[in-house]
Amino acid sequence: MTPYRKTPTGNALWLGAMLTGVLMYLFYTLYIDWTLGGNSWKQGDWLIHSLGEPIRRGPFGSALLTLSDALGGNPLALLLVFQGMVIALIFSVVGAAAFKLGAPVKLLLVLLSPAFVVLFWFNDPQGSVRKEMLAYLAFLPLIVVSMTGRGRTLALVLSVVAYGIAVIAHEGNVFFLPFLWLAMWLVLPPHTSLYVRLSILSVPGLLALGAGIYAVVHPNVSDTKLICTHLIQRGMDASVCDGAIAYMETTPEEGRMHPGRLLSTHFRSFLLLYAACLLSFRLLFQGARRPDAWFGAALASGLAFLPLYLVAGDYGRWLNFHISAMVLVLLVFLSRERPDWLYEVPRKLDIACVLVLQLLIVGVSHSPGELIDGFVVKLARGMASLI
């Protein structure tokens, strides 16, 4: 374990500007959502509720509406504030961990992956602030305790609570469980017995199992009018019901992807995009003992999300799930161990190639078949539109 290192000024400026700029942009997109009466996917999915009848993803929306009623406010305003707070927390903890580690070049390359939550949300704001952010939230206390070494019990409790909310809010968050297990395992004291470890890890496992069963038992409703009626009665625009809420009428059989889609030319093209997003991890593990084993483990960890490719076509989101989960687990590990190989600087040509690929060429869309600009191109076009 090496001591924490001072953050180079240049690295600090780049990382601070990137996180601050993207955060402000995402706040702006939430403001736009407010002016439009809510986005049917970005907010609509959060507003699915079980006040009329049980439905998967409904308990979170029910709690949100109940709290909004108690406060006498607008549920959309409450939701947007909540989404903004979670975004700020994610960016703050990720930034703090990177600065604490000294913002080494290898880590910055990983954080600038177009599939990691920061640039993924910037490049494709329509795919942002979805319910997977609750799963990301569950990793934050574990990252903080890895940095500080204090408050381990509280961090574990907060992590489990956040993950419990995440899986109740969206069944897709169940697939983050192996990554959360690994992060929790790393945080537990070395002297912790195997029995205690397994007992602690069983809690999020049971929460995921219960949420999964609930989603299977209550997969859809025959008519979403009742869901929408409750929202309209609370001052919501009816258009918010046109996306995720309307999708709740779709049966699992209707929504399921044909496995043959995974053999299509389109999916093979997506795999090339996937490979491009993994290059920064190949550089990250250079200098480590058995780097090929590290990288192989990173590749294999993507299999945790394979079932999602069989049931839904948001390939870009599933890629984002994998890369973001890996980065968050790595922040726990790196903050705890601070390995020497993290601070080895790759060749300048390798750095340049990865940066050009990630910032200029590759943009990851949440929707399959949709080509979008990389960060630099999108930023340049945005600035040009203001001139």
Protein backbone atom coordinates (compact mmCIF):
# COMPACT_ATOMS: atom_id res chain seq x y z
CA MET A 1 0.00 0.00 0.00
CA THR A 2 1.38 3.37 -1.00
CA PRO A 3 0.52 6.61 0.82
CA TYR A 4 -1.97 8.96 -0.77
CA ARG A 5 -0.24 11.14 -3.33
CA LYS A 6 -0.65 14.81 -4.11
CA THR A 7 -2.94 15.52 -7.02
CA PRO A 8 -1.07 17.10 -9.98
CA THR A 9 -2.50 20.55 -10.71
CA GLY A 10 -3.25 19.73 -14.35
CA ASN A 11 -5.08 16.54 -13.48
CA ALA A 12 -7.08 18.32 -10.79
CA LEU A 13 -8.13 21.07 -13.19
CA TRP A 14 -9.19 18.62 -15.89
CA LEU A 15 -11.14 16.40 -13.52
CA GLY A 16 -12.71 19.26 -11.59
CA ALA A 17 -13.79 21.05 -14.76
CA MET A 18 -15.19 17.86 -16.26
CA LEU A 19 -17.23 16.88 -13.21
CA THR A 20 -18.46 20.41 -12.54
CA GLY A 21 -19.37 21.08 -16.16
CA VAL A 22 -21.24 17.81 -16.63
CA LEU A 23 -23.01 18.25 -13.29
CA MET A 24 -24.22 21.72 -14.27
CA TYR A 25 -25.37 20.41 -17.64
CA LEU A 26 -27.35 17.62 -16.01
CA PHE A 27 -28.98 20.11 -13.65
CA TYR A 28 -29.93 22.10 -16.73
CA THR A 29 -31.51 19.04 -18.35
CA LEU A 30 -33.55 18.48 -15.18
CA TYR A 31 -34.74 22.07 -15.42
CA ILE A 32 -35.79 21.43 -19.03
CA ASP A 33 -37.67 18.32 -17.85
CA TRP A 34 -39.48 20.53 -15.33
CA THR A 35 -40.51 23.07 -17.96
CA LEU A 36 -41.89 20.25 -20.13
CA GLY A 37 -43.93 18.75 -17.29
CA GLY A 38 -41.62 15.78 -16.88
CA ASN A 39 -39.98 13.31 -19.24
CA SER A 40 -41.99 10.16 -19.87
CA TRP A 41 -38.90 7.99 -19.32
CA LYS A 42 -36.49 9.96 -17.14
CA GLN A 43 -39.22 10.82 -14.64
CA GLY A 44 -42.07 8.63 -15.83
CA ASP A 45 -40.36 5.42 -14.70
CA TRP A 46 -39.93 6.86 -11.21
CA LEU A 47 -43.65 7.73 -11.03
CA ILE A 48 -44.93 4.20 -11.62
CA HIS A 49 -46.88 3.45 -8.44
CA SER A 50 -48.99 0.78 -6.78
CA LEU A 51 -51.73 2.99 -5.36
CA GLY A 52 -54.26 1.29 -7.63
CA GLU A 53 -52.88 -2.24 -7.90
CA PRO A 54 -49.53 -3.97 -7.35
CA ILE A 55 -47.02 -3.52 -10.17
CA ARG A 56 -43.26 -3.98 -10.44
CA ARG A 57 -41.37 -0.76 -9.73
CA GLY A 58 -44.54 0.53 -8.06
CA PRO A 59 -43.58 0.69 -4.36
CA PHE A 60 -41.03 3.45 -4.92
CA GLY A 61 -43.55 5.61 -6.81
CA SER A 62 -46.15 4.97 -4.13
CA ALA A 63 -43.74 6.17 -1.44
CA LEU A 64 -42.86 9.22 -3.54
CA LEU A 65 -46.50 10.22 -4.03
CA THR A 66 -47.31 9.60 -0.37
CA LEU A 67 -44.41 11.82 0.72
CA SER A 68 -45.43 14.48 -1.81
CA ASP A 69 -48.99 14.44 -0.47
CA ALA A 70 -47.72 14.76 3.09
CA LEU A 71 -45.57 17.75 2.12
CA GLY A 72 -48.37 19.27 0.07
CA GLY A 73 -46.05 19.72 -2.91
CA ASN A 74 -45.74 18.73 -6.54
CA PRO A 75 -44.48 15.14 -6.98
CA LEU A 76 -42.48 16.13 -10.07
CA ALA A 77 -40.67 18.88 -8.16
CA LEU A 78 -39.89 16.47 -5.32
CA LEU A 79 -38.59 13.87 -7.79
CA LEU A 80 -36.40 16.35 -9.68
CA VAL A 81 -34.85 17.59 -6.43
CA PHE A 82 -34.18 14.00 -5.41
CA GLN A 83 -32.61 13.16 -8.78
CA GLY A 84 -30.42 16.26 -8.58
CA MET A 85 -29.26 15.36 -5.08
CA VAL A 86 -28.32 11.82 -6.10
CA ILE A 87 -26.40 13.07 -9.15
CA ALA A 88 -24.51 15.52 -6.95
CA LEU A 89 -23.68 12.79 -4.44
CA ILE A 90 -22.38 10.43 -7.12
CA PHE A 91 -20.20 13.10 -8.72
CA SER A 92 -18.95 14.38 -5.35
CA VAL A 93 -17.87 10.98 -4.04
CA VAL A 94 -16.30 9.90 -7.33
CA GLY A 95 -14.42 13.19 -7.53
CA ALA A 96 -13.33 13.04 -3.89
CA ALA A 97 -12.01 9.49 -4.29
CA ALA A 98 -10.10 10.42 -7.45
CA PHE A 99 -8.55 13.51 -5.82
CA LYS A 100 -7.70 11.55 -2.68
CA LEU A 101 -5.89 8.98 -4.81
CA GLY A 102 -3.95 11.75 -6.52
CA ALA A 103 -5.93 11.65 -9.77
CA PRO A 104 -3.41 9.39 -11.56
CA VAL A 105 -3.60 9.32 -15.34
CA LYS A 106 -4.77 5.70 -15.43
CA LEU A 107 -7.74 6.47 -13.20
CA LEU A 108 -8.69 9.56 -15.18
CA LEU A 109 -8.78 7.51 -18.38
CA VAL A 110 -11.24 5.12 -16.75
CA LEU A 111 -13.41 7.93 -15.38
CA LEU A 112 -13.53 9.43 -18.87
CA SER A 113 -14.95 6.27 -20.40
CA PRO A 114 -17.99 7.10 -22.56
CA ALA A 115 -19.78 4.23 -20.84
CA PHE A 116 -19.10 5.46 -17.29
CA VAL A 117 -21.92 7.40 -15.72
CA VAL A 118 -20.32 10.86 -16.12
CA LEU A 119 -19.86 11.01 -19.91
CA PHE A 120 -22.63 8.50 -20.59
CA TRP A 121 -25.18 10.86 -19.05
CA PHE A 122 -23.63 13.90 -20.75
CA ASN A 123 -23.49 12.37 -24.21
CA ASP A 124 -27.00 10.92 -23.99
CA PRO A 125 -29.08 12.87 -21.44
CA GLN A 126 -32.20 10.91 -22.47
CA GLY A 127 -30.51 7.85 -20.94
CA SER A 128 -29.62 9.71 -17.75
CA VAL A 129 -31.11 9.81 -14.24
CA ARG A 130 -32.73 6.40 -14.62
CA LYS A 131 -33.25 4.20 -11.58
CA GLU A 132 -29.83 2.53 -11.82
CA MET A 133 -28.53 5.67 -10.12
CA LEU A 134 -29.98 4.21 -6.92
CA ALA A 135 -27.71 1.19 -7.34
CA TYR A 136 -24.75 3.53 -7.86
CA LEU A 137 -25.79 5.28 -4.67
CA ALA A 138 -25.34 2.02 -2.75
CA PHE A 139 -21.60 1.98 -3.55
CA LEU A 140 -20.92 5.51 -2.31
CA PRO A 141 -20.75 4.79 1.47
CA LEU A 142 -18.34 1.93 0.73
CA ILE A 143 -16.08 4.25 -1.27
CA VAL A 144 -16.14 6.84 1.52
CA VAL A 145 -15.24 4.35 4.24
CA SER A 146 -12.43 2.98 2.05
CA MET A 147 -11.00 6.51 1.84
CA THR A 148 -11.38 7.38 5.52
CA GLY A 149 -11.16 4.02 7.27
CA ARG A 150 -13.91 5.09 9.66
CA GLY A 151 -17.61 4.35 10.04
CA ARG A 152 -17.52 0.89 8.50
CA THR A 153 -20.70 -0.36 10.15
CA LEU A 154 -22.69 2.73 9.21
CA ALA A 155 -21.39 2.54 5.64
CA LEU A 156 -22.51 -1.07 5.30
CA VAL A 157 -25.95 -0.27 6.69
CA LEU A 158 -26.40 2.72 4.37
CA SER A 159 -25.23 0.68 1.42
CA VAL A 160 -27.70 -2.12 2.11
CA VAL A 161 -30.56 0.34 2.64
CA ALA A 162 -29.77 2.14 -0.63
CA TYR A 163 -29.55 -1.16 -2.49
CA GLY A 164 -32.84 -2.32 -1.00
CA ILE A 165 -34.51 0.83 -2.33
CA ALA A 166 -32.78 0.34 -5.68
CA VAL A 167 -34.06 -3.20 -6.29
CA ILE A 168 -37.57 -2.32 -5.15
CA ALA A 169 -37.56 0.68 -7.50
CA HIS A 170 -36.34 -1.28 -10.54
CA GLU A 171 -35.82 -5.01 -10.95
CA GLY A 172 -32.83 -4.42 -13.25
CA ASN A 173 -30.79 -3.31 -10.25
CA VAL A 174 -30.79 -6.90 -9.03
CA PHE A 175 -27.94 -7.57 -11.47
CA PHE A 176 -25.61 -5.21 -9.61
CA LEU A 177 -25.57 -7.65 -6.70
CA PRO A 178 -22.24 -9.42 -7.48
CA PHE A 179 -20.48 -6.07 -7.69
CA LEU A 180 -22.02 -4.89 -4.42
CA TRP A 181 -21.01 -8.14 -2.76
CA LEU A 182 -17.42 -7.62 -3.88
CA ALA A 183 -17.38 -4.01 -2.67
CA MET A 184 -18.82 -5.01 0.71
CA TRP A 185 -16.33 -7.88 1.00
CA LEU A 186 -13.46 -5.44 0.46
CA VAL A 187 -14.77 -3.09 3.14
CA LEU A 188 -15.21 -5.75 5.82
CA PRO A 189 -12.24 -6.03 8.26
CA PRO A 190 -9.68 -8.70 7.27
CA HIS A 191 -10.23 -10.61 10.52
CA THR A 192 -13.99 -11.01 9.86
CA SER A 193 -14.91 -14.68 9.85
CA LEU A 194 -16.38 -16.31 6.77
CA TYR A 195 -19.64 -16.96 8.63
CA VAL A 196 -20.05 -13.27 9.52
CA ARG A 197 -19.12 -12.21 5.99
CA LEU A 198 -21.70 -14.49 4.42
CA SER A 199 -24.33 -13.43 6.95
CA ILE A 200 -23.80 -9.77 6.10
CA LEU A 201 -23.73 -10.39 2.35
CA SER A 202 -26.93 -12.42 2.58
CA VAL A 203 -28.93 -9.31 3.47
CA PRO A 204 -28.67 -7.56 0.06
CA GLY A 205 -29.04 -11.00 -1.51
CA LEU A 206 -32.38 -11.54 0.20
CA LEU A 207 -33.50 -8.05 -0.73
CA ALA A 208 -32.66 -8.72 -4.38
CA LEU A 209 -34.45 -12.06 -4.25
CA GLY A 210 -37.57 -10.55 -2.73
CA ALA A 211 -37.63 -7.70 -5.23
CA GLY A 212 -37.13 -10.12 -8.10
CA ILE A 213 -39.99 -12.31 -6.96
CA TYR A 214 -42.27 -9.28 -6.59
CA ALA A 215 -41.41 -8.17 -10.15
CA VAL A 216 -42.16 -11.65 -11.53
CA VAL A 217 -45.45 -11.92 -9.68
CA HIS A 218 -46.59 -8.40 -10.70
CA PRO A 219 -44.99 -7.84 -14.12
CA ASN A 220 -47.59 -5.59 -15.74
CA VAL A 221 -51.12 -4.18 -15.61
CA SER A 222 -53.84 -4.53 -18.18
CA ASP A 223 -54.50 -0.79 -18.24
CA THR A 224 -52.26 2.05 -17.05
CA LYS A 225 -55.06 4.64 -16.91
CA LEU A 226 -55.37 4.24 -13.16
CA ILE A 227 -51.65 4.90 -12.71
CA CYS A 228 -51.90 8.02 -14.86
CA THR A 229 -55.09 9.24 -13.19
CA HIS A 230 -53.39 9.46 -9.80
CA LEU A 231 -50.62 11.58 -11.36
CA ILE A 232 -52.97 13.91 -13.21
CA GLN A 233 -54.94 14.43 -10.00
CA ARG A 234 -51.70 15.68 -8.44
CA GLY A 235 -51.09 18.23 -11.18
CA MET A 236 -48.90 16.14 -13.51
CA ASP A 237 -49.09 16.49 -17.28
CA ALA A 238 -50.65 13.46 -19.00
CA SER A 239 -47.67 13.24 -21.39
CA VAL A 240 -45.52 11.86 -18.58
CA CYS A 241 -47.52 8.63 -18.92
CA ASP A 242 -46.53 8.02 -22.55
CA GLY A 243 -43.20 6.25 -21.95
CA ALA A 244 -42.26 3.96 -19.08
CA ILE A 245 -45.75 4.02 -17.59
CA ALA A 246 -47.37 3.02 -20.88
CA TYR A 247 -44.79 0.22 -21.14
CA MET A 248 -46.27 -1.32 -18.00
CA GLU A 249 -49.08 -2.68 -20.20
CA THR A 250 -46.52 -4.76 -22.11
CA THR A 251 -46.38 -8.38 -21.02
CA PRO A 252 -42.98 -10.04 -20.43
CA GLU A 253 -43.51 -12.15 -23.55
CA GLU A 254 -44.16 -9.07 -25.70
CA GLY A 255 -41.17 -7.21 -24.33
CA ARG A 256 -38.69 -10.08 -24.50
CA MET A 257 -35.88 -9.84 -27.06
CA HIS A 258 -35.31 -12.78 -29.40
CA PRO A 259 -31.95 -14.44 -28.52
CA GLY A 260 -31.11 -14.44 -32.23
CA ARG A 261 -30.77 -10.65 -31.98
CA LEU A 262 -27.46 -11.26 -30.20
CA LEU A 263 -26.08 -12.79 -33.41
CA SER A 264 -27.08 -9.88 -35.61
CA THR A 265 -24.69 -7.53 -37.41
CA HIS A 266 -26.01 -4.71 -35.27
CA PHE A 267 -25.08 -6.51 -32.07
CA ARG A 268 -21.63 -7.36 -33.40
CA SER A 269 -21.14 -3.65 -34.06
CA PHE A 270 -22.20 -2.97 -30.51
CA LEU A 271 -19.53 -5.40 -29.29
CA LEU A 272 -16.90 -3.31 -31.08
CA LEU A 273 -18.18 -0.31 -29.16
CA TYR A 274 -17.98 -2.39 -25.99
CA ALA A 275 -14.36 -3.27 -26.76
CA ALA A 276 -13.49 0.39 -27.28
CA CYS A 277 -14.88 1.20 -23.84
CA LEU A 278 -12.69 -1.49 -22.25
CA LEU A 279 -9.36 -0.20 -23.60
CA SER A 280 -8.87 2.17 -20.67
CA PHE A 281 -9.16 -0.79 -18.29
CA ARG A 282 -6.43 -2.60 -20.24
CA LEU A 283 -4.16 0.37 -19.58
CA LEU A 284 -5.28 0.59 -15.95
CA PHE A 285 -4.01 -2.88 -15.08
CA GLN A 286 -0.61 -2.47 -16.75
CA GLY A 287 2.11 -2.97 -14.16
CA ALA A 288 -0.11 -5.03 -11.86
CA ARG A 289 0.84 -8.57 -11.02
CA ARG A 290 -0.83 -10.75 -13.67
CA PRO A 291 -2.49 -7.88 -15.58
CA ASP A 292 -4.10 -10.30 -18.02
CA ALA A 293 -5.91 -11.97 -15.12
CA TRP A 294 -7.15 -8.60 -13.88
CA PHE A 295 -8.39 -7.65 -17.33
CA GLY A 296 -9.92 -11.09 -17.85
CA ALA A 297 -11.85 -10.69 -14.62
CA ALA A 298 -13.08 -7.29 -15.81
CA LEU A 299 -14.31 -8.83 -19.06
CA ALA A 300 -15.96 -11.79 -17.34
CA SER A 301 -17.77 -9.53 -14.88
CA GLY A 302 -19.89 -8.26 -17.76
CA LEU A 303 -21.64 -11.64 -17.83
CA ALA A 304 -23.54 -10.53 -14.72
CA PHE A 305 -25.67 -8.32 -16.97
CA LEU A 306 -26.09 -10.81 -19.82
CA PRO A 307 -29.73 -11.63 -18.91
CA LEU A 308 -30.66 -8.00 -19.57
CA TYR A 309 -29.64 -8.34 -23.21
CA LEU A 310 -32.17 -11.15 -23.58
CA VAL A 311 -35.14 -9.25 -22.16
CA ALA A 312 -34.65 -5.67 -23.37
CA GLY A 313 -32.87 -3.78 -26.13
CA ASP A 314 -31.28 -0.88 -24.23
CA TYR A 315 -27.81 -2.24 -24.95
CA GLY A 316 -26.10 1.05 -24.17
CA ARG A 317 -27.61 1.14 -20.70
CA TRP A 318 -26.44 -2.39 -19.97
CA LEU A 319 -22.93 -1.40 -21.07
CA ASN A 320 -23.20 1.61 -18.78
CA PHE A 321 -24.30 -0.70 -15.95
CA HIS A 322 -21.19 -2.83 -16.36
CA ILE A 323 -18.60 -0.08 -16.76
CA SER A 324 -20.05 2.04 -13.95
CA ALA A 325 -20.28 -0.92 -11.58
CA MET A 326 -16.66 -1.83 -12.32
CA VAL A 327 -15.45 1.72 -11.75
CA LEU A 328 -17.29 2.02 -8.44
CA VAL A 329 -15.89 -1.29 -7.18
CA LEU A 330 -12.43 -0.26 -8.33
CA LEU A 331 -12.73 3.00 -6.41
CA VAL A 332 -13.42 0.95 -3.27
CA PHE A 333 -10.43 -1.30 -3.96
CA LEU A 334 -8.03 1.46 -5.02
CA SER A 335 -8.97 3.72 -2.11
CA ARG A 336 -8.34 0.84 0.26
CA GLU A 337 -5.15 -0.62 -1.26
CA ARG A 338 -3.55 2.26 -3.22
CA PRO A 339 -1.40 -0.12 -5.31
CA ASP A 340 1.85 1.12 -6.84
CA TRP A 341 0.81 0.10 -10.35
CA LEU A 342 -1.99 2.67 -10.28
CA TYR A 343 0.59 5.45 -10.47
CA GLU A 344 2.58 4.10 -13.39
CA VAL A 345 2.05 6.39 -16.38
CA PRO A 346 1.26 4.62 -19.68
CA ARG A 347 3.02 5.58 -22.91
CA LYS A 348 1.95 8.97 -24.27
CA LEU A 349 0.79 7.37 -27.51
CA ASP A 350 -1.45 4.96 -25.61
CA ILE A 351 -2.92 7.81 -23.58
CA ALA A 352 -3.53 9.89 -26.69
CA CYS A 353 -5.20 7.02 -28.54
CA VAL A 354 -7.56 6.24 -25.66
CA LEU A 355 -8.46 9.90 -25.15
CA VAL A 356 -9.17 10.45 -28.85
CA LEU A 357 -11.30 7.32 -28.94
CA GLN A 358 -13.24 8.11 -25.76
CA LEU A 359 -13.66 11.85 -26.09
CA LEU A 360 -13.83 12.39 -29.82
CA ILE A 361 -14.99 9.26 -31.62
CA VAL A 362 -17.08 7.08 -29.32
CA GLY A 363 -20.44 8.11 -27.92
CA VAL A 364 -22.59 5.48 -26.19
CA SER A 365 -26.35 5.80 -26.62
CA HIS A 366 -28.79 4.06 -24.31
CA SER A 367 -30.82 3.08 -27.36
CA PRO A 368 -29.57 0.42 -29.81
CA GLY A 369 -28.80 1.52 -33.32
CA GLU A 370 -28.59 5.21 -32.43
CA LEU A 371 -25.22 6.79 -33.24
CA ILE A 372 -24.36 9.82 -31.11
CA ASP A 373 -21.43 12.21 -30.85
CA GLY A 374 -18.53 11.80 -28.47
CA PHE A 375 -17.95 14.33 -25.70
CA VAL A 376 -15.75 16.80 -27.58
CA VAL A 377 -17.95 16.84 -30.70
CA LYS A 378 -21.12 17.33 -28.67
CA LEU A 379 -19.49 20.05 -26.58
CA ALA A 380 -18.21 21.84 -29.69
CA ARG A 381 -21.64 21.73 -31.35
CA GLY A 382 -23.26 23.01 -28.19
CA MET A 383 -20.84 25.91 -27.95
CA ALA A 384 -21.28 26.70 -31.64
CA SER A 385 -25.04 26.91 -31.19
CA LEU A 386 -24.56 29.60 -28.56
CA ILE A 387 -22.46 31.79 -30.83
